[in-house]
Amino acid sequence: VRNYRDAVWSSEPMLSYTCQSVLEADHLVSVLFNFRGFGGLAPLVQPIPFLMEKSVLEVSAAVCIQATYRSYRSRRALACGVRTAVALRRAALCIQQAHRWGGLSRRLSFLQGAAQAVREIKCSTLYIEERLFLGLNLINGVDRMASHMPEKGLGFAWKDDHLVVVARNFADSRKEGPKKRSVRLPAWLGAQAGGLETVNLSEAGNLTPVVGLQGLLTMGIGDPHERHDRDLVTVTVAATQHAAMVEPCSRYHPKALAASGGRLRFLELKFRSLADAQHRMLLVYMCTFSARQGLAVPLTHKTTLHSPTLAQQIFHLWDSYGLTWSPSDRATTYRLRQRYLQTYMDVVPLAGRDNWSSVQGRDWLHDATEKASSPLLGRPASGSPASAVGRGPSFGSPVSCTSPLPPLVGGEGGGGG
């Protein structure tokens, strides 16, 4: 008996036996047909299927002829040559593979970048560029994250004097019945961020209303703008200042170079502990990261303020979000504050709903009195201008403050912030 391990018939392995004579083959076939143990309600053994060599060759020849004819008809029906069709099919497979794995790779890149940003925090005092600090709520309001990313359902809030991650439950179509699953911060990322607590939206309880991402960042340390100008650190990057003076038409962020004049102003943020600083770093990174640019608003140490790489990142963010007004333009600063710093909410999500064209076109500048289309979510609480925790598919709608904030005053007008 010969074992054909690689040969199959109707998805079953085949065995081949060569009889010594025609008479032996005839007797063997008769036994297989007439064996009584195959029949009845309780057969002794299962029937043994068998094929004669001639039948196998005839069926195999018919299959080859049919396959050849069908492939010929398929090639004749093509609107292009065979090589072109093969190239198109391979291209389609490459596109499908990139699409299926692209979302996972973008998500892993986003989470790894957040973990790296948290690991780089070594002290409790951090610095943020003044103009980016003023535009935090604007940046958070843009739909910056890749589509179908599970982390879009997360948010940050202030509860019991500390920062927490808010997870929203939603129906899982892969499970039967009313079962729901929760989108949560990965455990390994939460552990690297100093054990950041995660709470469900339905069980969050009373959350402290904040003025968007900027308000949540400064909870517990006060508004840096209310402090004296001596707390502002002005940095002059030599290479950047030279480019701003002698290359006003440079292809590297020309508007941002002209708006800065080669100088950047940083606000000092003194947090209570190293763990608190790491939590705020994770907050800013996840709420401002852009999948398009691959950048987030930087929170950095004092030793890196003079880095040309940091200056280039800041200028790139200025150009991307339209923060390139003149240093002497106080009206733009006031309108930005009036549009994005008058909304209280309980939960700050990772991304908003504004599109890039509206932000880069400065639609908020043309109509500053219109209610901000911010992603900072919540619903009105009874007897309070602030919002409460929202319910439903999204965190809710923003609620305006009772009075506008005053314009920014101080050194260099509103240029830094």
Foldseek 3Di string as FASTA:
>chain_A
DDWDPPDDDPNHGDDDDDDPDPVVVVVVVVCLVPPPQCDDPHRPDHRDDDDDPVVVVVVVVVVVVVVVVVVVVVQVPDPDHPVVVVVVVVVVVVVVVCVVCVLVVLLVLLLVVLLVLLVQQDWQKWKFFQLCLLCLQVLLAAFFDDPPRLQQQKWWFADPNAIAIEWEWDADPVDDDRDIDIRDDDPVSCVSLVNHHYDYLVPPPFTDKALALSRVLCPPPDDLLVDAPVQKDKEAQPVLLVCLVPPCPDPQLNLQSVQQNRMTIMGMHGDDTSSRSSVSSSSQSQSRAGSVVRDTRDIHDPVCPNPPVNVSRVSVVCQQQVSRDHLADQLQQQLSQLARRFWIAGIHGSHHYHHSVCRNVVVSSVPSPDHHRTLRAFDDDPPDQHGGAADDPHRHHIGGHPDGDDTRDDPSRNSRD
